[in-house]
Amino acid sequence: MMFPNYIATLPKPIKMFLFAFLVALSVGYFTGLNFVRQTDSATPQGVIENYNGNEDKPEAETMKFKKGKREMLTIIHTHILSISFIFFMLGILVWGTDQSIKLKTFLTIEPFVSVLLTFGGIYMLWLGYSFFSYVVIFSGILMTLSYVLGVLVILKDIFK
């Protein structure tokens, strides 16, 4: 089955609309990543401390406490829903590009796997399985790379 490569053929005002959407979406996405960086969650130990606290380290520059169950459920719930919606909207646009079916499939399925691994991993490390900090970092990086590549292939067709 063929999928239409419709983005390149859209009228200029609709392409401008899609461009504005991608810019605003990317500002939001990368602001979230900047927040992760600000919380020192870019390292395995930083991820663990962000959710399980560091009150056992008196030398810590910033004191962090273990998050409660309600707070964890709120974080996981809101992030899985909102990021899934981001990748759903991005995926619709990716399917309208002039890329191979294999690349489109990867760029539209992988982010959902990474969302589940990232936030499932966060929950598992909160339960005490600290190894999941590596899963969280790896899946978060892969999710971001998929986001960037998805935006780039859409922009390529917008500017055709």
N, C-alpha and C. Protein backbone atom coordinates (compact mmCIF):
# COMPACT_ATOMS: atom_id res chain seq x y z
N MET A 1 0.84 -1.19 0.00
CA MET A 1 0.00 0.00 0.00
C MET A 1 0.89 1.25 0.00
N MET A 2 0.57 2.16 -0.82
CA MET A 2 1.33 3.41 -0.90
C MET A 2 0.70 4.47 -0.01
N PHE A 3 1.54 5.30 0.55
CA PHE A 3 1.08 6.42 1.35
C PHE A 3 1.43 7.70 0.60
N PRO A 4 0.49 8.61 0.52
CA PRO A 4 0.74 9.83 -0.25
C PRO A 4 1.79 10.71 0.42
N ASN A 5 2.61 11.33 -0.40
CA ASN A 5 3.60 12.28 0.09
C ASN A 5 3.00 13.67 -0.09
N TYR A 6 2.08 14.00 0.80
CA TYR A 6 1.24 15.18 0.59
C TYR A 6 1.87 16.49 1.06
N ILE A 7 2.81 16.48 1.97
CA ILE A 7 3.31 17.73 2.53
C ILE A 7 3.96 18.61 1.47
N ALA A 8 4.77 18.02 0.61
CA ALA A 8 5.47 18.80 -0.42
C ALA A 8 4.49 19.47 -1.39
N THR A 9 3.28 18.92 -1.53
CA THR A 9 2.32 19.46 -2.50
C THR A 9 1.31 20.42 -1.88
N LEU A 10 1.41 20.67 -0.59
CA LEU A 10 0.45 21.56 0.07
C LEU A 10 0.67 23.01 -0.35
N PRO A 11 -0.40 23.81 -0.28
CA PRO A 11 -0.24 25.24 -0.58
C PRO A 11 0.67 25.91 0.46
N LYS A 12 1.32 26.99 0.04
CA LYS A 12 2.27 27.70 0.89
C LYS A 12 1.69 28.11 2.25
N PRO A 13 0.46 28.64 2.34
CA PRO A 13 -0.06 29.01 3.67
C PRO A 13 -0.18 27.82 4.64
N ILE A 14 -0.50 26.64 4.11
CA ILE A 14 -0.59 25.46 4.99
C ILE A 14 0.81 25.02 5.40
N LYS A 15 1.77 25.13 4.50
CA LYS A 15 3.16 24.82 4.86
C LYS A 15 3.66 25.79 5.94
N MET A 16 3.28 27.05 5.84
CA MET A 16 3.66 28.04 6.86
C MET A 16 3.03 27.67 8.20
N PHE A 17 1.78 27.24 8.18
CA PHE A 17 1.08 26.79 9.39
C PHE A 17 1.83 25.60 10.02
N LEU A 18 2.20 24.61 9.21
CA LEU A 18 2.93 23.44 9.72
C LEU A 18 4.29 23.83 10.26
N PHE A 19 4.97 24.75 9.59
CA PHE A 19 6.27 25.23 10.07
C PHE A 19 6.12 25.90 11.43
N ALA A 20 5.10 26.77 11.57
CA ALA A 20 4.87 27.45 12.86
C ALA A 20 4.57 26.43 13.94
N PHE A 21 3.78 25.41 13.61
CA PHE A 21 3.46 24.34 14.58
C PHE A 21 4.74 23.63 15.02
N LEU A 22 5.59 23.26 14.06
CA LEU A 22 6.83 22.54 14.40
C LEU A 22 7.77 23.39 15.24
N VAL A 23 7.83 24.68 14.96
CA VAL A 23 8.68 25.57 15.76
C VAL A 23 8.16 25.64 17.20
N ALA A 24 6.86 25.88 17.35
CA ALA A 24 6.29 25.97 18.70
C ALA A 24 6.42 24.64 19.45
N LEU A 25 6.15 23.53 18.75
CA LEU A 25 6.27 22.21 19.37
C LEU A 25 7.71 21.95 19.81
N SER A 26 8.66 22.34 18.97
CA SER A 26 10.07 22.11 19.29
C SER A 26 10.54 22.98 20.45
N VAL A 27 10.05 24.20 20.53
CA VAL A 27 10.38 25.05 21.68
C VAL A 27 9.89 24.37 22.96
N GLY A 28 8.69 23.86 22.94
CA GLY A 28 8.16 23.15 24.11
C GLY A 28 8.94 21.90 24.43
N TYR A 29 9.25 21.12 23.42
CA TYR A 29 9.98 19.86 23.62
C TYR A 29 11.36 20.12 24.22
N PHE A 30 12.08 21.08 23.63
CA PHE A 30 13.44 21.33 24.11
C PHE A 30 13.47 22.11 25.42
N THR A 31 12.42 22.82 25.73
CA THR A 31 12.31 23.43 27.07
C THR A 31 12.20 22.33 28.12
N GLY A 32 11.43 21.29 27.79
CA GLY A 32 11.34 20.13 28.69
C GLY A 32 12.68 19.46 28.89
N LEU A 33 13.44 19.31 27.81
CA LEU A 33 14.77 18.72 27.94
C LEU A 33 15.70 19.60 28.76
N ASN A 34 15.56 20.90 28.62
CA ASN A 34 16.36 21.81 29.43
C ASN A 34 16.02 21.65 30.92
N PHE A 35 14.75 21.43 31.20
CA PHE A 35 14.35 21.18 32.59
C PHE A 35 15.02 19.91 33.12
N VAL A 36 15.08 18.86 32.30
CA VAL A 36 15.75 17.62 32.71
C VAL A 36 17.21 17.92 33.04
N ARG A 37 17.85 18.72 32.19
CA ARG A 37 19.25 19.09 32.43
C ARG A 37 19.39 19.87 33.74
N GLN A 38 18.45 20.77 34.01
CA GLN A 38 18.50 21.59 35.23
C GLN A 38 18.35 20.75 36.50
N THR A 39 17.67 19.60 36.38
CA THR A 39 17.47 18.75 37.56
C THR A 39 18.58 17.72 37.70
N ASP A 40 19.64 17.87 36.91
CA ASP A 40 20.78 16.94 36.94
C ASP A 40 20.35 15.51 36.63
N SER A 41 19.32 15.34 35.80
CA SER A 41 18.81 14.02 35.45
C SER A 41 19.41 13.47 34.17
N ALA A 42 20.56 13.97 33.76
CA ALA A 42 21.21 13.50 32.53
C ALA A 42 22.23 12.41 32.81
N THR A 43 22.42 12.05 34.07
CA THR A 43 23.32 10.96 34.44
C THR A 43 22.53 9.91 35.20
N PRO A 44 23.00 8.65 35.20
CA PRO A 44 22.26 7.62 35.95
C PRO A 44 22.04 8.00 37.42
N GLN A 45 23.07 8.50 38.07
CA GLN A 45 22.93 8.88 39.48
C GLN A 45 21.97 10.06 39.63
N GLY A 46 22.03 11.00 38.70
CA GLY A 46 21.13 12.15 38.74
C GLY A 46 19.67 11.75 38.59
N VAL A 47 19.41 10.78 37.70
CA VAL A 47 18.03 10.29 37.53
C VAL A 47 17.55 9.65 38.83
N ILE A 48 18.39 8.83 39.40
CA ILE A 48 18.02 8.14 40.65
C ILE A 48 17.72 9.16 41.74
N GLU A 49 18.61 10.14 41.91
CA GLU A 49 18.43 11.15 42.96
C GLU A 49 17.20 12.02 42.71
N ASN A 50 16.88 12.27 41.46
CA ASN A 50 15.73 13.11 41.16
C ASN A 50 14.43 12.48 41.64
N TYR A 51 14.35 11.15 41.60
CA TYR A 51 13.10 10.48 42.01
C TYR A 51 13.19 9.83 43.38
N ASN A 52 14.40 9.41 43.80
CA ASN A 52 14.55 8.73 45.09
C ASN A 52 15.22 9.58 46.15
N GLY A 53 15.61 10.80 45.78
CA GLY A 53 16.20 11.71 46.76
C GLY A 53 17.68 11.47 46.98
N ASN A 54 18.28 12.40 47.72
CA ASN A 54 19.70 12.29 48.07
C ASN A 54 19.94 12.73 49.51
N GLU A 55 18.89 12.63 50.33
CA GLU A 55 19.02 13.11 51.72
C GLU A 55 20.06 12.35 52.52
N ASP A 56 20.54 11.19 52.00
CA ASP A 56 21.59 10.44 52.68
C ASP A 56 22.99 11.00 52.36
N LYS A 57 23.06 12.04 51.53
CA LYS A 57 24.34 12.65 51.16
C LYS A 57 24.39 14.08 51.71
N PRO A 58 24.99 14.28 52.87
CA PRO A 58 25.03 15.61 53.47
C PRO A 58 25.83 16.62 52.63
N GLU A 59 26.71 16.13 51.74
CA GLU A 59 27.51 17.03 50.91
C GLU A 59 26.78 17.47 49.64
N ALA A 60 25.57 17.00 49.44
CA ALA A 60 24.81 17.34 48.22
C ALA A 60 24.58 18.85 48.14
N GLU A 61 24.78 19.39 46.94
CA GLU A 61 24.60 20.82 46.71
C GLU A 61 23.13 21.21 46.83
N THR A 62 22.25 20.36 46.29
CA THR A 62 20.81 20.58 46.36
C THR A 62 20.18 19.36 47.02
N MET A 63 19.47 19.57 48.11
CA MET A 63 18.83 18.46 48.81
C MET A 63 17.57 18.05 48.05
N LYS A 64 17.45 16.75 47.77
CA LYS A 64 16.27 16.21 47.09
C LYS A 64 15.70 15.09 47.94
N PHE A 65 14.37 14.99 47.91
CA PHE A 65 13.69 13.97 48.69
C PHE A 65 12.94 13.01 47.78
N LYS A 66 12.78 11.78 48.24
CA LYS A 66 12.06 10.76 47.45
C LYS A 66 10.65 11.26 47.16
N LYS A 67 10.26 11.11 45.90
CA LYS A 67 8.91 11.54 45.51
C LYS A 67 7.89 10.55 46.05
N GLY A 68 6.72 11.08 46.39
CA GLY A 68 5.64 10.24 46.88
C GLY A 68 4.94 9.52 45.74
N LYS A 69 4.15 8.51 46.10
CA LYS A 69 3.45 7.71 45.09
C LYS A 69 2.51 8.56 44.24
N ARG A 70 1.77 9.44 44.87
CA ARG A 70 0.83 10.29 44.13
C ARG A 70 1.57 11.20 43.13
N GLU A 71 2.70 11.76 43.57
CA GLU A 71 3.49 12.62 42.68
C GLU A 71 4.05 11.81 41.51
N MET A 72 4.52 10.59 41.77
CA MET A 72 5.05 9.75 40.70
C MET A 72 3.96 9.40 39.69
N LEU A 73 2.79 9.04 40.18
CA LEU A 73 1.70 8.70 39.26
C LEU A 73 1.29 9.91 38.43
N THR A 74 1.31 11.09 39.01
CA THR A 74 0.98 12.31 38.27
C THR A 74 2.03 12.58 37.20
N ILE A 75 3.30 12.47 37.55
CA ILE A 75 4.37 12.69 36.58
C ILE A 75 4.26 11.70 35.42
N ILE A 76 4.12 10.43 35.75
CA ILE A 76 4.07 9.40 34.71
C ILE A 76 2.83 9.56 33.84
N HIS A 77 1.70 9.77 34.47
CA HIS A 77 0.43 9.93 33.74
C HIS A 77 0.48 11.10 32.77
N THR A 78 0.86 12.26 33.25
CA THR A 78 0.85 13.46 32.40
C THR A 78 1.89 13.37 31.29
N HIS A 79 3.06 12.84 31.58
CA HIS A 79 4.10 12.76 30.56
C HIS A 79 3.76 11.72 29.48
N ILE A 80 3.27 10.56 29.88
CA ILE A 80 2.93 9.55 28.87
C ILE A 80 1.82 10.07 27.96
N LEU A 81 0.80 10.68 28.53
CA LEU A 81 -0.29 11.21 27.70
C LEU A 81 0.18 12.33 26.78
N SER A 82 0.87 13.32 27.34
CA SER A 82 1.24 14.48 26.52
C SER A 82 2.30 14.14 25.48
N ILE A 83 3.30 13.36 25.84
CA ILE A 83 4.34 13.03 24.87
C ILE A 83 3.80 12.09 23.80
N SER A 84 2.90 11.20 24.17
CA SER A 84 2.26 10.34 23.16
C SER A 84 1.49 11.18 22.16
N PHE A 85 0.80 12.19 22.64
CA PHE A 85 0.06 13.07 21.72
C PHE A 85 1.02 13.83 20.81
N ILE A 86 2.13 14.30 21.35
CA ILE A 86 3.14 14.98 20.53
C ILE A 86 3.60 14.07 19.39
N PHE A 87 3.93 12.81 19.73
CA PHE A 87 4.42 11.90 18.70
C PHE A 87 3.31 11.41 17.77
N PHE A 88 2.08 11.41 18.22
CA PHE A 88 0.97 11.09 17.33
C PHE A 88 0.84 12.16 16.25
N MET A 89 0.84 13.43 16.67
CA MET A 89 0.73 14.53 15.71
C MET A 89 1.94 14.56 14.78
N LEU A 90 3.12 14.38 15.33
CA LEU A 90 4.33 14.36 14.51
C LEU A 90 4.29 13.18 13.54
N GLY A 91 3.80 12.05 14.00
CA GLY A 91 3.72 10.85 13.15
C GLY A 91 2.80 11.04 11.96
N ILE A 92 1.68 11.71 12.17
CA ILE A 92 0.78 12.00 11.04
C ILE A 92 1.52 12.78 9.97
N LEU A 93 2.32 13.75 10.39
CA LEU A 93 3.08 14.55 9.43
C LEU A 93 4.21 13.74 8.79
N VAL A 94 4.87 12.90 9.56
CA VAL A 94 5.94 12.06 9.01
C VAL A 94 5.39 11.17 7.90
N TRP A 95 4.20 10.63 8.09
CA TRP A 95 3.61 9.76 7.06
C TRP A 95 3.29 10.52 5.79
N GLY A 96 3.26 11.84 5.84
CA GLY A 96 3.02 12.64 4.65
C GLY A 96 4.28 13.09 3.95
N THR A 97 5.42 12.54 4.34
CA THR A 97 6.69 12.94 3.73
C THR A 97 7.14 11.95 2.66
N ASP A 98 8.13 12.37 1.92
CA ASP A 98 8.70 11.56 0.85
C ASP A 98 9.88 10.75 1.40
N GLN A 99 9.62 9.86 2.32
CA GLN A 99 10.65 9.01 2.92
C GLN A 99 10.26 7.55 2.72
N SER A 100 11.20 6.66 2.96
CA SER A 100 10.92 5.23 2.81
C SER A 100 9.93 4.78 3.88
N ILE A 101 9.20 3.73 3.55
CA ILE A 101 8.23 3.16 4.50
C ILE A 101 8.95 2.70 5.77
N LYS A 102 10.15 2.14 5.62
CA LYS A 102 10.89 1.67 6.79
C LYS A 102 11.24 2.83 7.73
N LEU A 103 11.72 3.94 7.18
CA LEU A 103 12.07 5.09 8.02
C LEU A 103 10.81 5.66 8.67
N LYS A 104 9.75 5.80 7.90
CA LYS A 104 8.50 6.32 8.45
C LYS A 104 7.99 5.42 9.57
N THR A 105 8.06 4.12 9.36
CA THR A 105 7.61 3.17 10.39
C THR A 105 8.43 3.33 11.66
N PHE A 106 9.76 3.40 11.51
CA PHE A 106 10.63 3.57 12.67
C PHE A 106 10.31 4.88 13.40
N LEU A 107 10.22 5.98 12.66
CA LEU A 107 10.01 7.29 13.28
C LEU A 107 8.63 7.44 13.91
N THR A 108 7.69 6.59 13.54
CA THR A 108 6.34 6.72 14.10
C THR A 108 6.02 5.65 15.15
N ILE A 109 6.81 4.60 15.24
CA ILE A 109 6.58 3.56 16.26
C ILE A 109 7.57 3.69 17.41
N GLU A 110 8.84 3.91 17.10
CA GLU A 110 9.88 3.95 18.13
C GLU A 110 9.58 4.93 19.26
N PRO A 111 9.11 6.14 18.98
CA PRO A 111 8.89 7.07 20.10
C PRO A 111 7.91 6.55 21.15
N PHE A 112 6.91 5.78 20.73
CA PHE A 112 5.95 5.24 21.69
C PHE A 112 6.60 4.17 22.57
N VAL A 113 7.49 3.38 21.98
CA VAL A 113 8.26 2.40 22.76
C VAL A 113 9.14 3.14 23.76
N SER A 114 9.81 4.19 23.29
CA SER A 114 10.69 4.96 24.18
C SER A 114 9.92 5.67 25.29
N VAL A 115 8.74 6.17 24.99
CA VAL A 115 7.91 6.81 26.03
C VAL A 115 7.61 5.80 27.14
N LEU A 116 7.20 4.60 26.74
CA LEU A 116 6.87 3.58 27.74
C LEU A 116 8.11 3.13 28.51
N LEU A 117 9.23 2.97 27.80
CA LEU A 117 10.47 2.57 28.49
C LEU A 117 10.98 3.67 29.41
N THR A 118 10.91 4.92 28.96
CA THR A 118 11.40 6.02 29.78
C THR A 118 10.59 6.15 31.06
N PHE A 119 9.28 6.24 30.93
CA PHE A 119 8.48 6.50 32.13
C PHE A 119 8.18 5.24 32.92
N GLY A 120 8.15 4.09 32.25
CA GLY A 120 8.11 2.82 32.99
C GLY A 120 9.41 2.63 33.75
N GLY A 121 10.53 3.00 33.12
CA GLY A 121 11.84 2.91 33.78
C GLY A 121 11.93 3.83 34.98
N ILE A 122 11.37 5.03 34.85
CA ILE A 122 11.35 5.96 35.98
C ILE A 122 10.58 5.35 37.15
N TYR A 123 9.46 4.73 36.85
CA TYR A 123 8.66 4.11 37.93
C TYR A 123 9.45 2.95 38.56
N MET A 124 10.10 2.14 37.72
CA MET A 124 10.86 1.00 38.25
C MET A 124 12.04 1.47 39.11
N LEU A 125 12.73 2.53 38.70
CA LEU A 125 13.84 2.99 39.54
C LEU A 125 13.32 3.62 40.82
N TRP A 126 12.14 4.23 40.77
CA TRP A 126 11.52 4.76 41.98
C TRP A 126 11.20 3.62 42.95
N LEU A 127 10.86 2.44 42.39
CA LEU A 127 10.60 1.26 43.23
C LEU A 127 11.87 0.68 43.83
N GLY A 128 13.04 1.16 43.36
CA GLY A 128 14.30 0.70 43.92
C GLY A 128 15.19 -0.05 42.96
N TYR A 129 14.78 -0.23 41.72
CA TYR A 129 15.58 -0.93 40.72
C TYR A 129 16.44 0.09 39.97
N SER A 130 17.56 0.44 40.56
CA SER A 130 18.37 1.56 40.05
C SER A 130 18.94 1.30 38.66
N PHE A 131 19.06 0.04 38.24
CA PHE A 131 19.55 -0.25 36.89
C PHE A 131 18.70 0.45 35.83
N PHE A 132 17.44 0.68 36.11
CA PHE A 132 16.55 1.30 35.13
C PHE A 132 16.94 2.74 34.81
N SER A 133 17.84 3.32 35.59
CA SER A 133 18.31 4.67 35.24
C SER A 133 18.99 4.67 33.88
N TYR A 134 19.66 3.56 33.53
CA TYR A 134 20.30 3.44 32.22
C TYR A 134 19.25 3.31 31.12
N VAL A 135 18.19 2.57 31.39
CA VAL A 135 17.09 2.42 30.43
C VAL A 135 16.45 3.78 30.18
N VAL A 136 16.24 4.54 31.26
CA VAL A 136 15.62 5.87 31.15
C VAL A 136 16.48 6.78 30.27
N ILE A 137 17.77 6.79 30.49
CA ILE A 137 18.65 7.67 29.72
C ILE A 137 18.71 7.22 28.26
N PHE A 138 18.91 5.92 28.02
CA PHE A 138 19.00 5.42 26.66
C PHE A 138 17.70 5.67 25.89
N SER A 139 16.57 5.34 26.48
CA SER A 139 15.30 5.52 25.78
C SER A 139 14.97 7.00 25.61
N GLY A 140 15.36 7.83 26.55
CA GLY A 140 15.16 9.27 26.42
C GLY A 140 15.97 9.85 25.28
N ILE A 141 17.21 9.39 25.13
CA ILE A 141 18.06 9.85 24.02
C ILE A 141 17.47 9.39 22.69
N LEU A 142 17.06 8.13 22.63
CA LEU A 142 16.49 7.60 21.39
C LEU A 142 15.19 8.34 21.03
N MET A 143 14.37 8.65 22.04
CA MET A 143 13.13 9.39 21.80
C MET A 143 13.44 10.77 21.22
N THR A 144 14.44 11.42 21.77
CA THR A 144 14.81 12.76 21.30
C THR A 144 15.39 12.70 19.88
N LEU A 145 16.21 11.72 19.60
CA LEU A 145 16.74 11.57 18.25
C LEU A 145 15.62 11.31 17.25
N SER A 146 14.63 10.51 17.64
CA SER A 146 13.48 10.27 16.77
C SER A 146 12.69 11.55 16.55
N TYR A 147 12.56 12.35 17.59
CA TYR A 147 11.85 13.62 17.46
C TYR A 147 12.57 14.53 16.46
N VAL A 148 13.87 14.69 16.66
CA VAL A 148 14.65 15.59 15.80
C VAL A 148 14.61 15.11 14.35
N LEU A 149 14.82 13.82 14.13
CA LEU A 149 14.81 13.29 12.78
C LEU A 149 13.42 13.44 12.14
N GLY A 150 12.37 13.20 12.92
CA GLY A 150 11.02 13.38 12.41
C GLY A 150 10.76 14.81 11.98
N VAL A 151 11.16 15.76 12.81
CA VAL A 151 10.98 17.17 12.47
C VAL A 151 11.78 17.52 11.22
N LEU A 152 13.00 17.02 11.13
CA LEU A 152 13.84 17.33 9.97
C LEU A 152 13.26 16.79 8.66
N VAL A 153 12.73 15.57 8.68
CA VAL A 153 12.16 15.04 7.43
C VAL A 153 10.88 15.79 7.05
N ILE A 154 10.14 16.27 8.03
CA ILE A 154 8.95 17.06 7.72
C ILE A 154 9.37 18.42 7.15
N LEU A 155 10.36 19.06 7.78
CA LEU A 155 10.84 20.35 7.29
C LEU A 155 11.39 20.24 5.86
N LYS A 156 12.05 19.13 5.57
CA LYS A 156 12.57 18.91 4.22
C LYS A 156 11.43 19.00 3.20
N ASP A 157 10.31 18.37 3.50
CA ASP A 157 9.17 18.40 2.57
C ASP A 157 8.46 19.75 2.58
N ILE A 158 8.44 20.42 3.72
CA ILE A 158 7.82 21.74 3.78
C ILE A 158 8.55 22.71 2.86
N PHE A 159 9.88 22.62 2.82
CA PHE A 159 10.67 23.56 2.03
C PHE A 159 10.93 23.10 0.60
N LYS A 160 10.26 22.02 0.17
CA LYS A 160 10.39 21.57 -1.23
C LYS A 160 9.69 22.55 -2.14
